[in-house]
PDB file of all heavy atoms in Angstrom:
ATOM      1  N   GLY A   1      40.259 207.720 -13.286  1.00  0.00           N
ATOM      2  CA  GLY A   1      41.593 207.498 -13.835  1.00  0.00           C
ATOM      3  C   GLY A   1      41.569 207.053 -15.280  1.00  0.00           C
ATOM      4  O   GLY A   1      40.993 207.720 -16.139  1.00  0.00           O
ATOM      5  N   PRO A   2      42.175 205.908 -15.570  1.00  0.00           N
ATOM      6  CA  PRO A   2      42.355 205.493 -16.971  1.00  0.00           C
ATOM      7  C   PRO A   2      41.055 205.161 -17.695  1.00  0.00           C
ATOM      8  O   PRO A   2      41.019 205.178 -18.925  1.00  0.00           O
ATOM      9  CB  PRO A   2      43.258 204.259 -16.857  1.00  0.00           C
ATOM     10  CG  PRO A   2      43.036 203.732 -15.473  1.00  0.00           C
ATOM     11  CD  PRO A   2      42.798 204.955 -14.633  1.00  0.00           C
ATOM     12  N   GLY A   3      39.990 204.848 -16.947  1.00  0.00           N
ATOM     13  CA  GLY A   3      38.747 204.473 -17.599  1.00  0.00           C
ATOM     14  C   GLY A   3      37.939 205.641 -18.115  1.00  0.00           C
ATOM     15  O   GLY A   3      37.125 205.486 -19.029  1.00  0.00           O
ATOM     16  N   LEU A   4      38.129 206.822 -17.540  1.00  0.00           N
ATOM     17  CA  LEU A   4      37.285 207.949 -17.923  1.00  0.00           C
ATOM     18  C   LEU A   4      37.967 209.314 -17.720  1.00  0.00           C
ATOM     19  O   LEU A   4      38.119 210.091 -18.659  1.00  0.00           O
ATOM     20  CB  LEU A   4      35.973 207.902 -17.122  1.00  0.00           C
ATOM     21  CG  LEU A   4      34.934 208.979 -17.396  1.00  0.00           C
ATOM     22  CD1 LEU A   4      34.504 208.941 -18.854  1.00  0.00           C
ATOM     23  CD2 LEU A   4      33.720 208.784 -16.487  1.00  0.00           C
ATOM     24  N   GLY A   5      38.354 209.610 -16.472  1.00  0.00           N
ATOM     25  CA  GLY A   5      38.840 210.943 -16.132  1.00  0.00           C
ATOM     26  C   GLY A   5      40.088 211.364 -16.880  1.00  0.00           C
ATOM     27  O   GLY A   5      40.149 212.459 -17.460  1.00  0.00           O
ATOM     28  N   ILE A   6      41.115 210.518 -16.885  1.00  0.00           N
ATOM     29  CA  ILE A   6      42.378 210.880 -17.544  1.00  0.00           C
ATOM     30  C   ILE A   6      42.208 210.999 -19.061  1.00  0.00           C
ATOM     31  O   ILE A   6      42.652 211.991 -19.656  1.00  0.00           O
ATOM     32  CB  ILE A   6      43.488 209.876 -17.177  1.00  0.00           C
ATOM     33  CG1 ILE A   6      43.795 209.942 -15.676  1.00  0.00           C
ATOM     34  CG2 ILE A   6      44.761 210.157 -17.973  1.00  0.00           C
ATOM     35  CD1 ILE A   6      44.787 208.903 -15.194  1.00  0.00           C
ATOM     36  N   PRO A   7      41.574 210.019 -19.737  1.00  0.00           N
ATOM     37  CA  PRO A   7      41.372 210.183 -21.195  1.00  0.00           C
ATOM     38  C   PRO A   7      40.558 211.436 -21.537  1.00  0.00           C
ATOM     39  O   PRO A   7      40.847 212.105 -22.542  1.00  0.00           O
ATOM     40  CB  PRO A   7      40.619 208.911 -21.591  1.00  0.00           C
ATOM     41  CG  PRO A   7      40.992 207.916 -20.556  1.00  0.00           C
ATOM     42  CD  PRO A   7      41.136 208.699 -19.285  1.00  0.00           C
ATOM     43  N   ARG A   8      39.546 211.752 -20.717  1.00  0.00           N
ATOM     44  CA  ARG A   8      38.754 212.951 -20.981  1.00  0.00           C
ATOM     45  C   ARG A   8      39.610 214.203 -20.848  1.00  0.00           C
ATOM     46  O   ARG A   8      39.547 215.115 -21.673  1.00  0.00           O
ATOM     47  CB  ARG A   8      37.562 213.031 -20.021  1.00  0.00           C
ATOM     48  CG  ARG A   8      36.614 214.182 -20.325  1.00  0.00           C
ATOM     49  CD  ARG A   8      35.471 214.273 -19.344  1.00  0.00           C
ATOM     50  NE  ARG A   8      35.852 214.926 -18.095  1.00  0.00           N
ATOM     51  CZ  ARG A   8      34.981 215.294 -17.156  1.00  0.00           C
ATOM     52  NH1 ARG A   8      33.698 215.053 -17.308  1.00  0.00           N
ATOM     53  NH2 ARG A   8      35.407 215.885 -16.047  1.00  0.00           N
ATOM     54  N   ALA A   9      40.432 214.246 -19.807  1.00  0.00           N
ATOM     55  CA  ALA A   9      41.283 215.416 -19.577  1.00  0.00           C
ATOM     56  C   ALA A   9      42.306 215.596 -20.687  1.00  0.00           C
ATOM     57  O   ALA A   9      42.719 216.719 -20.986  1.00  0.00           O
ATOM     58  CB  ALA A   9      41.991 215.294 -18.229  1.00  0.00           C
ATOM     59  N   ALA A  10      42.715 214.501 -21.305  1.00  0.00           N
ATOM     60  CA  ALA A  10      43.706 214.601 -22.378  1.00  0.00           C
ATOM     61  C   ALA A  10      43.072 214.932 -23.723  1.00  0.00           C
ATOM     62  O   ALA A  10      43.688 215.598 -24.558  1.00  0.00           O
ATOM     63  CB  ALA A  10      44.477 213.286 -22.489  1.00  0.00           C
ATOM     64  N   SER A  11      41.843 214.476 -23.948  1.00  0.00           N
ATOM     65  CA  SER A  11      41.210 214.686 -25.252  1.00  0.00           C
ATOM     66  C   SER A  11      40.575 216.066 -25.377  1.00  0.00           C
ATOM     67  O   SER A  11      40.486 216.621 -26.478  1.00  0.00           O
ATOM     68  CB  SER A  11      40.150 213.611 -25.513  1.00  0.00           C
ATOM     69  OG  SER A  11      39.152 213.637 -24.524  1.00  0.00           O
ATOM     70  N   VAL A  12      40.130 216.641 -24.239  1.00  0.00           N
ATOM     71  CA  VAL A  12      39.470 217.942 -24.282  1.00  0.00           C
ATOM     72  C   VAL A  12      40.361 219.041 -24.862  1.00  0.00           C
ATOM     73  O   VAL A  12      39.917 219.784 -25.754  1.00  0.00           O
ATOM     74  CB  VAL A  12      38.950 218.341 -22.886  1.00  0.00           C
ATOM     75  CG1 VAL A  12      38.629 219.827 -22.821  1.00  0.00           C
ATOM     76  CG2 VAL A  12      37.688 217.549 -22.557  1.00  0.00           C
ATOM     77  N   PRO A  13      41.606 219.221 -24.402  1.00  0.00           N
ATOM     78  CA  PRO A  13      42.408 220.320 -24.950  1.00  0.00           C
ATOM     79  C   PRO A  13      42.642 220.196 -26.451  1.00  0.00           C
ATOM     80  O   PRO A  13      42.707 221.212 -27.148  1.00  0.00           O
ATOM     81  CB  PRO A  13      43.726 220.242 -24.167  1.00  0.00           C
ATOM     82  CG  PRO A  13      43.759 218.891 -23.576  1.00  0.00           C
ATOM     83  CD  PRO A  13      42.343 218.502 -23.336  1.00  0.00           C
ATOM     84  N   PHE A  14      42.758 218.958 -26.952  1.00  0.00           N
ATOM     85  CA  PHE A  14      42.958 218.808 -28.394  1.00  0.00           C
ATOM     86  C   PHE A  14      41.682 219.135 -29.169  1.00  0.00           C
ATOM     87  O   PHE A  14      41.695 219.955 -30.097  1.00  0.00           O
ATOM     88  CB  PHE A  14      43.399 217.384 -28.737  1.00  0.00           C
ATOM     89  CG  PHE A  14      43.527 217.149 -30.225  1.00  0.00           C
ATOM     90  CD1 PHE A  14      44.662 217.568 -30.897  1.00  0.00           C
ATOM     91  CD2 PHE A  14      42.499 216.548 -30.940  1.00  0.00           C
ATOM     92  CE1 PHE A  14      44.771 217.392 -32.274  1.00  0.00           C
ATOM     93  CE2 PHE A  14      42.596 216.365 -32.303  1.00  0.00           C
ATOM     94  CZ  PHE A  14      43.740 216.784 -32.975  1.00  0.00           C
ATOM     95  N   GLU A  15      40.586 218.502 -28.803  1.00  0.00           N
ATOM     96  CA  GLU A  15      39.357 218.648 -29.584  1.00  0.00           C
ATOM     97  C   GLU A  15      38.732 220.031 -29.441  1.00  0.00           C
ATOM     98  O   GLU A  15      38.000 220.475 -30.324  1.00  0.00           O
ATOM     99  CB  GLU A  15      38.361 217.558 -29.194  1.00  0.00           C
ATOM    100  CG  GLU A  15      38.860 216.158 -29.531  1.00  0.00           C
ATOM    101  CD  GLU A  15      37.744 215.148 -29.702  1.00  0.00           C
ATOM    102  OE1 GLU A  15      36.600 215.570 -29.948  1.00  0.00           O
ATOM    103  OE2 GLU A  15      38.023 213.946 -29.579  1.00  0.00           O
ATOM    104  N   MET A  16      39.014 220.715 -28.321  1.00  0.00           N
ATOM    105  CA  MET A  16      38.383 222.008 -28.103  1.00  0.00           C
ATOM    106  C   MET A  16      39.299 223.200 -28.376  1.00  0.00           C
ATOM    107  O   MET A  16      38.820 224.302 -28.613  1.00  0.00           O
ATOM    108  CB  MET A  16      37.880 222.093 -26.651  1.00  0.00           C
ATOM    109  CG  MET A  16      36.812 221.060 -26.329  1.00  0.00           C
ATOM    110  SD  MET A  16      35.434 221.128 -27.485  1.00  0.00           S
ATOM    111  CE  MET A  16      34.475 219.714 -26.950  1.00  0.00           C
ATOM    112  N   ALA A  17      40.599 223.004 -28.330  1.00  0.00           N
ATOM    113  CA  ALA A  17      41.503 224.154 -28.473  1.00  0.00           C
ATOM    114  C   ALA A  17      42.576 223.969 -29.532  1.00  0.00           C
ATOM    115  O   ALA A  17      43.334 224.890 -29.799  1.00  0.00           O
ATOM    116  CB  ALA A  17      42.173 224.455 -27.128  1.00  0.00           C
ATOM    117  N   VAL A  18      42.656 222.777 -30.146  1.00  0.00           N
ATOM    118  CA  VAL A  18      43.659 222.542 -31.183  1.00  0.00           C
ATOM    119  C   VAL A  18      42.992 222.179 -32.507  1.00  0.00           C
ATOM    120  O   VAL A  18      43.231 222.820 -33.527  1.00  0.00           O
ATOM    121  CB  VAL A  18      44.641 221.417 -30.756  1.00  0.00           C
ATOM    122  CG1 VAL A  18      45.638 221.140 -31.877  1.00  0.00           C
ATOM    123  CG2 VAL A  18      45.380 221.805 -29.483  1.00  0.00           C
ATOM    124  N   ALA A  19      42.126 221.159 -32.478  1.00  0.00           N
ATOM    125  CA  ALA A  19      41.493 220.675 -33.706  1.00  0.00           C
ATOM    126  C   ALA A  19      40.757 221.756 -34.502  1.00  0.00           C
ATOM    127  O   ALA A  19      40.858 221.786 -35.737  1.00  0.00           O
ATOM    128  CB  ALA A  19      40.544 219.521 -33.377  1.00  0.00           C
ATOM    129  N   PRO A  20      40.000 222.669 -33.845  1.00  0.00           N
ATOM    130  CA  PRO A  20      39.264 223.676 -34.625  1.00  0.00           C
ATOM    131  C   PRO A  20      40.155 224.612 -35.440  1.00  0.00           C
ATOM    132  O   PRO A  20      39.671 225.257 -36.375  1.00  0.00           O
ATOM    133  CB  PRO A  20      38.506 224.463 -33.542  1.00  0.00           C
ATOM    134  CG  PRO A  20      38.397 223.532 -32.389  1.00  0.00           C
ATOM    135  CD  PRO A  20      39.679 222.764 -32.409  1.00  0.00           C
ATOM    136  N   TYR A  21      41.434 224.692 -35.089  1.00  0.00           N
ATOM    137  CA  TYR A  21      42.328 225.629 -35.766  1.00  0.00           C
ATOM    138  C   TYR A  21      43.255 224.944 -36.768  1.00  0.00           C
ATOM    139  O   TYR A  21      44.108 225.587 -37.363  1.00  0.00           O
ATOM    140  CB  TYR A  21      43.144 226.401 -34.733  1.00  0.00           C
ATOM    141  CG  TYR A  21      42.275 227.183 -33.776  1.00  0.00           C
ATOM    142  CD1 TYR A  21      41.983 226.688 -32.510  1.00  0.00           C
ATOM    143  CD2 TYR A  21      41.725 228.406 -34.152  1.00  0.00           C
ATOM    144  CE1 TYR A  21      41.176 227.404 -31.626  1.00  0.00           C
ATOM    145  CE2 TYR A  21      40.921 229.122 -33.278  1.00  0.00           C
ATOM    146  CZ  TYR A  21      40.648 228.617 -32.019  1.00  0.00           C
ATOM    147  OH  TYR A  21      39.844 229.311 -31.156  1.00  0.00           O
ATOM    148  N   LEU A  22      43.096 223.623 -36.939  1.00  0.00           N
ATOM    149  CA  LEU A  22      43.895 222.905 -37.928  1.00  0.00           C
ATOM    150  C   LEU A  22      43.293 223.108 -39.322  1.00  0.00           C
ATOM    151  O   LEU A  22      42.106 223.398 -39.450  1.00  0.00           O
ATOM    152  CB  LEU A  22      43.926 221.408 -37.587  1.00  0.00           C
ATOM    153  CG  LEU A  22      44.668 221.012 -36.306  1.00  0.00           C
ATOM    154  CD1 LEU A  22      44.499 219.529 -36.033  1.00  0.00           C
ATOM    155  CD2 LEU A  22      46.156 221.356 -36.407  1.00  0.00           C
ATOM    156  N   PRO A  23      44.088 222.965 -40.375  1.00  0.00           N
ATOM    157  CA  PRO A  23      43.550 223.089 -41.738  1.00  0.00           C
ATOM    158  C   PRO A  23      42.423 222.086 -41.988  1.00  0.00           C
ATOM    159  O   PRO A  23      42.409 221.001 -41.384  1.00  0.00           O
ATOM    160  CB  PRO A  23      44.770 222.782 -42.622  1.00  0.00           C
ATOM    161  CG  PRO A  23      45.955 223.029 -41.751  1.00  0.00           C
ATOM    162  CD  PRO A  23      45.545 222.697 -40.359  1.00  0.00           C
ATOM    163  N   GLU A  24      41.511 222.445 -42.852  1.00  0.00           N
ATOM    164  CA  GLU A  24      40.367 221.580 -43.136  1.00  0.00           C
ATOM    165  C   GLU A  24      40.802 220.231 -43.708  1.00  0.00           C
ATOM    166  O   GLU A  24      40.098 219.229 -43.550  1.00  0.00           O
ATOM    167  CB  GLU A  24      39.413 222.270 -44.119  1.00  0.00           C
ATOM    168  CG  GLU A  24      38.709 223.488 -43.528  1.00  0.00           C
ATOM    169  CD  GLU A  24      37.719 224.086 -44.503  1.00  0.00           C
ATOM    170  OE1 GLU A  24      37.521 223.503 -45.597  1.00  0.00           O
ATOM    171  OE2 GLU A  24      37.142 225.144 -44.183  1.00  0.00           O
ATOM    172  N   THR A  25      41.931 220.200 -44.377  1.00  0.00           N
ATOM    173  CA  THR A  25      42.411 218.952 -44.980  1.00  0.00           C
ATOM    174  C   THR A  25      43.214 218.087 -44.002  1.00  0.00           C
ATOM    175  O   THR A  25      43.671 217.002 -44.358  1.00  0.00           O
ATOM    176  CB  THR A  25      43.303 219.273 -46.190  1.00  0.00           C
ATOM    177  OG1 THR A  25      44.385 220.131 -45.774  1.00  0.00           O
ATOM    178  CG2 THR A  25      42.499 219.977 -47.285  1.00  0.00           C
ATOM    179  N   ALA A  26      43.376 218.578 -42.756  1.00  0.00           N
ATOM    180  CA  ALA A  26      44.194 217.853 -41.774  1.00  0.00           C
ATOM    181  C   ALA A  26      43.542 216.523 -41.398  1.00  0.00           C
ATOM    182  O   ALA A  26      42.317 216.420 -41.280  1.00  0.00           O
ATOM    183  CB  ALA A  26      44.397 218.709 -40.533  1.00  0.00           C
ATOM    184  N   ASN A  27      44.378 215.519 -41.208  1.00  0.00           N
ATOM    185  CA  ASN A  27      43.903 214.210 -40.755  1.00  0.00           C
ATOM    186  C   ASN A  27      43.814 214.245 -39.228  1.00  0.00           C
ATOM    187  O   ASN A  27      44.806 214.041 -38.524  1.00  0.00           O
ATOM    188  CB  ASN A  27      44.873 213.119 -41.220  1.00  0.00           C
ATOM    189  CG  ASN A  27      44.331 211.724 -40.977  1.00  0.00           C
ATOM    190  OD1 ASN A  27      43.639 211.473 -39.991  1.00  0.00           O
ATOM    191  ND2 ASN A  27      44.647 210.808 -41.885  1.00  0.00           N
ATOM    192  N   LEU A  28      42.621 214.510 -38.705  1.00  0.00           N
ATOM    193  CA  LEU A  28      42.455 214.728 -37.261  1.00  0.00           C
ATOM    194  C   LEU A  28      42.888 213.531 -36.413  1.00  0.00           C
ATOM    195  O   LEU A  28      43.544 213.716 -35.383  1.00  0.00           O
ATOM    196  CB  LEU A  28      41.002 215.095 -36.953  1.00  0.00           C
ATOM    197  CG  LEU A  28      40.559 216.492 -37.413  1.00  0.00           C
ATOM    198  CD1 LEU A  28      39.116 216.752 -36.989  1.00  0.00           C
ATOM    199  CD2 LEU A  28      41.468 217.570 -36.839  1.00  0.00           C
ATOM    200  N   PRO A  29      42.532 212.285 -36.787  1.00  0.00           N
ATOM    201  CA  PRO A  29      42.985 211.149 -35.962  1.00  0.00           C
ATOM    202  C   PRO A  29      44.503 211.074 -35.823  1.00  0.00           C
ATOM    203  O   PRO A  29      45.017 210.735 -34.756  1.00  0.00           O
ATOM    204  CB  PRO A  29      42.427 209.930 -36.715  1.00  0.00           C
ATOM    205  CG  PRO A  29      41.221 210.445 -37.430  1.00  0.00           C
ATOM    206  CD  PRO A  29      41.605 211.837 -37.846  1.00  0.00           C
ATOM    207  N   VAL A  30      45.223 211.412 -36.896  1.00  0.00           N
ATOM    208  CA  VAL A  30      46.691 211.370 -36.833  1.00  0.00           C
ATOM    209  C   VAL A  30      47.219 212.478 -35.921  1.00  0.00           C
ATOM    210  O   VAL A  30      48.106 212.249 -35.091  1.00  0.00           O
ATOM    211  CB  VAL A  30      47.292 211.509 -38.248  1.00  0.00           C
ATOM    212  CG1 VAL A  30      48.813 211.654 -38.161  1.00  0.00           C
ATOM    213  CG2 VAL A  30      46.926 210.308 -39.099  1.00  0.00           C
ATOM    214  N   PHE A  31      46.664 213.680 -36.077  1.00  0.00           N
ATOM    215  CA  PHE A  31      47.084 214.786 -35.218  1.00  0.00           C
ATOM    216  C   PHE A  31      46.752 214.492 -33.748  1.00  0.00           C
ATOM    217  O   PHE A  31      47.529 214.823 -32.848  1.00  0.00           O
ATOM    218  CB  PHE A  31      46.421 216.091 -35.668  1.00  0.00           C
ATOM    219  CG  PHE A  31      47.146 216.784 -36.778  1.00  0.00           C
ATOM    220  CD1 PHE A  31      46.784 216.569 -38.093  1.00  0.00           C
ATOM    221  CD2 PHE A  31      48.206 217.637 -36.515  1.00  0.00           C
ATOM    222  CE1 PHE A  31      47.455 217.205 -39.130  1.00  0.00           C
ATOM    223  CE2 PHE A  31      48.891 218.277 -37.542  1.00  0.00           C
ATOM    224  CZ  PHE A  31      48.514 218.059 -38.863  1.00  0.00           C
ATOM    225  N   MET A  32      45.587 213.891 -33.524  1.00  0.00           N
ATOM    226  CA  MET A  32      45.193 213.530 -32.164  1.00  0.00           C
ATOM    227  C   MET A  32      46.158 212.500 -31.571  1.00  0.00           C
ATOM    228  O   MET A  32      46.547 212.571 -30.408  1.00  0.00           O
ATOM    229  CB  MET A  32      43.765 212.969 -32.166  1.00  0.00           C
ATOM    230  CG  MET A  32      43.287 212.478 -30.807  1.00  0.00           C
ATOM    231  SD  MET A  32      43.220 213.813 -29.585  1.00  0.00           S
ATOM    232  CE  MET A  32      42.825 212.898 -28.112  1.00  0.00           C
ATOM    233  N   LEU A  33      46.545 211.547 -32.403  1.00  0.00           N
ATOM    234  CA  LEU A  33      47.491 210.513 -31.970  1.00  0.00           C
ATOM    235  C   LEU A  33      48.813 211.142 -31.552  1.00  0.00           C
ATOM    236  O   LEU A  33      49.363 210.811 -30.492  1.00  0.00           O
ATOM    237  CB  LEU A  33      47.703 209.505 -33.095  1.00  0.00           C
ATOM    238  CG  LEU A  33      48.523 208.259 -32.748  1.00  0.00           C
ATOM    239  CD1 LEU A  33      47.703 207.333 -31.852  1.00  0.00           C
ATOM    240  CD2 LEU A  33      48.934 207.516 -34.011  1.00  0.00           C
ATOM    241  N   LEU A  34      49.316 212.055 -32.375  1.00  0.00           N
ATOM    242  CA  LEU A  34      50.598 212.702 -32.084  1.00  0.00           C
ATOM    243  C   LEU A  34      50.501 213.597 -30.842  1.00  0.00           C
ATOM    244  O   LEU A  34      51.392 213.592 -29.986  1.00  0.00           O
ATOM    245  CB  LEU A  34      51.057 213.520 -33.295  1.00  0.00           C
ATOM    246  CG  LEU A  34      51.397 212.724 -34.552  1.00  0.00           C
ATOM    247  CD1 LEU A  34      51.684 213.658 -35.721  1.00  0.00           C
ATOM    248  CD2 LEU A  34      52.591 211.810 -34.294  1.00  0.00           C
ATOM    249  N   TYR A  35      49.409 214.380 -30.769  1.00  0.00           N
ATOM    250  CA  TYR A  35      49.229 215.282 -29.622  1.00  0.00           C
ATOM    251  C   TYR A  35      49.138 214.480 -28.323  1.00  0.00           C
ATOM    252  O   TYR A  35      49.809 214.805 -27.334  1.00  0.00           O
ATOM    253  CB  TYR A  35      47.954 216.108 -29.816  1.00  0.00           C
ATOM    254  CG  TYR A  35      47.627 217.011 -28.639  1.00  0.00           C
ATOM    255  CD1 TYR A  35      48.128 218.301 -28.564  1.00  0.00           C
ATOM    256  CD2 TYR A  35      46.820 216.556 -27.590  1.00  0.00           C
ATOM    257  CE1 TYR A  35      47.841 219.123 -27.490  1.00  0.00           C
ATOM    258  CE2 TYR A  35      46.528 217.372 -26.503  1.00  0.00           C
ATOM    259  CZ  TYR A  35      47.028 218.652 -26.465  1.00  0.00           C
ATOM    260  OH  TYR A  35      46.740 219.448 -25.391  1.00  0.00           O
ATOM    261  N   SER A  36      48.307 213.455 -28.302  1.00  0.00           N
ATOM    262  CA  SER A  36      48.109 212.666 -27.078  1.00  0.00           C
ATOM    263  C   SER A  36      49.367 211.887 -26.712  1.00  0.00           C
ATOM    264  O   SER A  36      49.639 211.649 -25.531  1.00  0.00           O
ATOM    265  CB  SER A  36      46.916 211.715 -27.233  1.00  0.00           C
ATOM    266  OG  SER A  36      47.091 210.848 -28.340  1.00  0.00           O
ATOM    267  N   LEU A  37      50.159 211.490 -27.728  1.00  0.00           N
ATOM    268  CA  LEU A  37      51.413 210.790 -27.442  1.00  0.00           C
ATOM    269  C   LEU A  37      52.367 211.705 -26.682  1.00  0.00           C
ATOM    270  O   LEU A  37      52.931 211.313 -25.650  1.00  0.00           O
ATOM    271  CB  LEU A  37      52.057 210.325 -28.753  1.00  0.00           C
ATOM    272  CG  LEU A  37      53.417 209.614 -28.612  1.00  0.00           C
ATOM    273  CD1 LEU A  37      53.270 208.334 -27.797  1.00  0.00           C
ATOM    274  CD2 LEU A  37      54.002 209.314 -29.993  1.00  0.00           C
ATOM    275  N   VAL A  38      52.548 212.935 -27.165  1.00  0.00           N
ATOM    276  CA  VAL A  38      53.405 213.904 -26.474  1.00  0.00           C
ATOM    277  C   VAL A  38      52.835 214.225 -25.097  1.00  0.00           C
ATOM    278  O   VAL A  38      53.571 214.300 -24.098  1.00  0.00           O
ATOM    279  CB  VAL A  38      53.538 215.202 -27.311  1.00  0.00           C
ATOM    280  CG1 VAL A  38      54.310 216.265 -26.529  1.00  0.00           C
ATOM    281  CG2 VAL A  38      54.237 214.911 -28.629  1.00  0.00           C
ATOM    282  N   PHE A  39      51.503 214.390 -25.032  1.00  0.00           N
ATOM    283  CA  PHE A  39      50.835 214.723 -23.773  1.00  0.00           C
ATOM    284  C   PHE A  39      51.109 213.658 -22.718  1.00  0.00           C
ATOM    285  O   PHE A  39      51.491 213.971 -21.574  1.00  0.00           O
ATOM    286  CB  PHE A  39      49.324 214.856 -24.027  1.00  0.00           C
ATOM    287  CG  PHE A  39      48.524 215.292 -22.829  1.00  0.00           C
ATOM    288  CD1 PHE A  39      48.177 216.629 -22.648  1.00  0.00           C
ATOM    289  CD2 PHE A  39      48.097 214.374 -21.876  1.00  0.00           C
ATOM    290  CE1 PHE A  39      47.434 217.040 -21.553  1.00  0.00           C
ATOM    291  CE2 PHE A  39      47.356 214.769 -20.774  1.00  0.00           C
ATOM    292  CZ  PHE A  39      47.022 216.106 -20.615  1.00  0.00           C
ATOM    293  N   PHE A  40      50.917 212.391 -23.073  1.00  0.00           N
ATOM    294  CA  PHE A  40      51.069 211.322 -22.077  1.00  0.00           C
ATOM    295  C   PHE A  40      52.533 211.000 -21.784  1.00  0.00           C
ATOM    296  O   PHE A  40      52.845 210.542 -20.674  1.00  0.00           O
ATOM    297  CB  PHE A  40      50.317 210.070 -22.529  1.00  0.00           C
ATOM    298  CG  PHE A  40      48.843 210.145 -22.247  1.00  0.00           C
ATOM    299  CD1 PHE A  40      47.928 210.276 -23.269  1.00  0.00           C
ATOM    300  CD2 PHE A  40      48.372 210.115 -20.946  1.00  0.00           C
ATOM    301  CE1 PHE A  40      46.567 210.366 -23.015  1.00  0.00           C
ATOM    302  CE2 PHE A  40      47.017 210.206 -20.673  1.00  0.00           C
ATOM    303  CZ  PHE A  40      46.103 210.327 -21.700  1.00  0.00           C
ATOM    304  N   LEU A  41      53.417 211.219 -22.728  1.00  0.00           N
ATOM    305  CA  LEU A  41      54.842 211.066 -22.421  1.00  0.00           C
ATOM    306  C   LEU A  41      55.264 212.088 -21.371  1.00  0.00           C
ATOM    307  O   LEU A  41      56.000 211.765 -20.419  1.00  0.00           O
ATOM    308  CB  LEU A  41      55.675 211.231 -23.694  1.00  0.00           C
ATOM    309  CG  LEU A  41      55.674 210.056 -24.671  1.00  0.00           C
ATOM    310  CD1 LEU A  41      56.418 210.428 -25.955  1.00  0.00           C
ATOM    311  CD2 LEU A  41      56.289 208.815 -24.035  1.00  0.00           C
ATOM    312  N   LEU A  42      54.789 213.326 -21.531  1.00  0.00           N
ATOM    313  CA  LEU A  42      55.105 214.379 -20.566  1.00  0.00           C
ATOM    314  C   LEU A  42      54.454 214.096 -19.214  1.00  0.00           C
ATOM    315  O   LEU A  42      55.093 214.251 -18.155  1.00  0.00           O
ATOM    316  CB  LEU A  42      54.637 215.732 -21.110  1.00  0.00           C
ATOM    317  CG  LEU A  42      54.933 216.974 -20.253  1.00  0.00           C
ATOM    318  CD1 LEU A  42      56.435 217.099 -20.009  1.00  0.00           C
ATOM    319  CD2 LEU A  42      54.412 218.232 -20.927  1.00  0.00           C
ATOM    320  N   ALA A  43      53.187 213.648 -19.242  1.00  0.00           N
ATOM    321  CA  ALA A  43      52.476 213.338 -17.997  1.00  0.00           C
ATOM    322  C   ALA A  43      53.156 212.194 -17.244  1.00  0.00           C
ATOM    323  O   ALA A  43      53.305 212.230 -16.022  1.00  0.00           O
ATOM    324  CB  ALA A  43      51.019 212.988 -18.296  1.00  0.00           C
TER     325      ALA A  43
END
């Protein structure tokens, strides 16, 4: 759950399917924060 499984499930889609396609100048921690915020609000 919250200690490992859920955070891993939420971080994988961003780091593997979103982050590689962002501009090189993108601030990844900020984008990750926004993506995970929407993800967990929906969840």
